[in-house]
Protein backbone atom coordinates (compact mmCIF):
# COMPACT_ATOMS: atom_id res chain seq x y z
CA UNK A 1 -8.19 34.73 -16.34
CA UNK A 2 -6.53 31.96 -14.33
CA UNK A 3 -7.57 28.40 -15.00
CA UNK A 4 -9.60 26.86 -12.18
CA UNK A 5 -8.01 23.78 -10.67
CA UNK A 6 -10.08 20.96 -9.23
CA UNK A 7 -9.77 20.42 -5.49
CA UNK A 8 -9.39 16.69 -6.07
CA UNK A 9 -6.76 16.12 -8.73
CA UNK A 10 -8.04 12.80 -10.04
CA UNK A 11 -5.03 12.08 -12.26
CA UNK A 12 -2.58 12.64 -9.39
CA UNK A 13 -4.59 10.34 -7.12
CA UNK A 14 -4.72 7.62 -9.77
CA UNK A 15 -0.96 7.88 -10.32
CA UNK A 16 -0.13 7.60 -6.63
CA UNK A 17 -2.51 4.67 -6.23
CA UNK A 18 -0.99 2.80 -9.18
CA UNK A 19 2.54 3.25 -7.83
CA UNK A 20 3.53 0.29 -5.66
CA UNK A 21 4.16 1.03 -2.00
CA UNK A 22 7.60 -0.02 -0.80
CA UNK A 23 8.34 -1.70 2.50
CA UNK A 24 10.18 0.47 5.04
CA UNK A 25 12.11 -2.58 6.29
CA UNK A 26 13.34 -4.31 3.14
CA UNK A 27 12.55 -1.83 0.35
CA UNK A 28 10.63 -4.38 -1.74
CA UNK A 29 6.98 -4.10 -2.81
CA UNK A 30 4.72 -4.65 0.20
CA UNK A 31 3.02 -8.03 0.23
CA UNK A 32 0.70 -8.64 3.17
CA UNK A 33 -1.23 -11.80 4.05
CA UNK A 34 -3.75 -12.59 6.76
CA UNK A 35 -2.34 -15.28 9.04
CA UNK A 36 -4.57 -17.18 11.46
CA UNK A 37 -2.94 -18.84 14.45
CA UNK A 38 -4.06 -22.15 15.97
CA UNK A 39 -5.97 -20.28 18.68
CA UNK A 40 -7.92 -18.39 15.99
CA UNK A 41 -6.17 -15.04 16.37
CA UNK A 42 -5.86 -13.16 13.07
CA UNK A 43 -2.74 -11.19 12.18
CA UNK A 44 -1.53 -9.31 9.11
CA UNK A 45 1.98 -10.48 8.17
CA UNK A 46 4.43 -9.00 5.68
CA UNK A 47 5.59 -11.69 3.25
CA UNK A 48 8.08 -9.36 1.53
CA UNK A 49 10.46 -9.28 4.54
CA UNK A 50 10.57 -13.03 5.10
CA UNK A 51 13.04 -15.11 3.51
């Protein structure tokens, strides 16, 4: 009889989560910070591309 496979492959999900996501612009590991402007507007900025 065939072995039943779980619908949610926990080990595959853990592996993909542990792998670092790479930036599409510079190819480095994505580093994002929350920047707040003087007017109080919040924005997510990529630190990996700067520099």
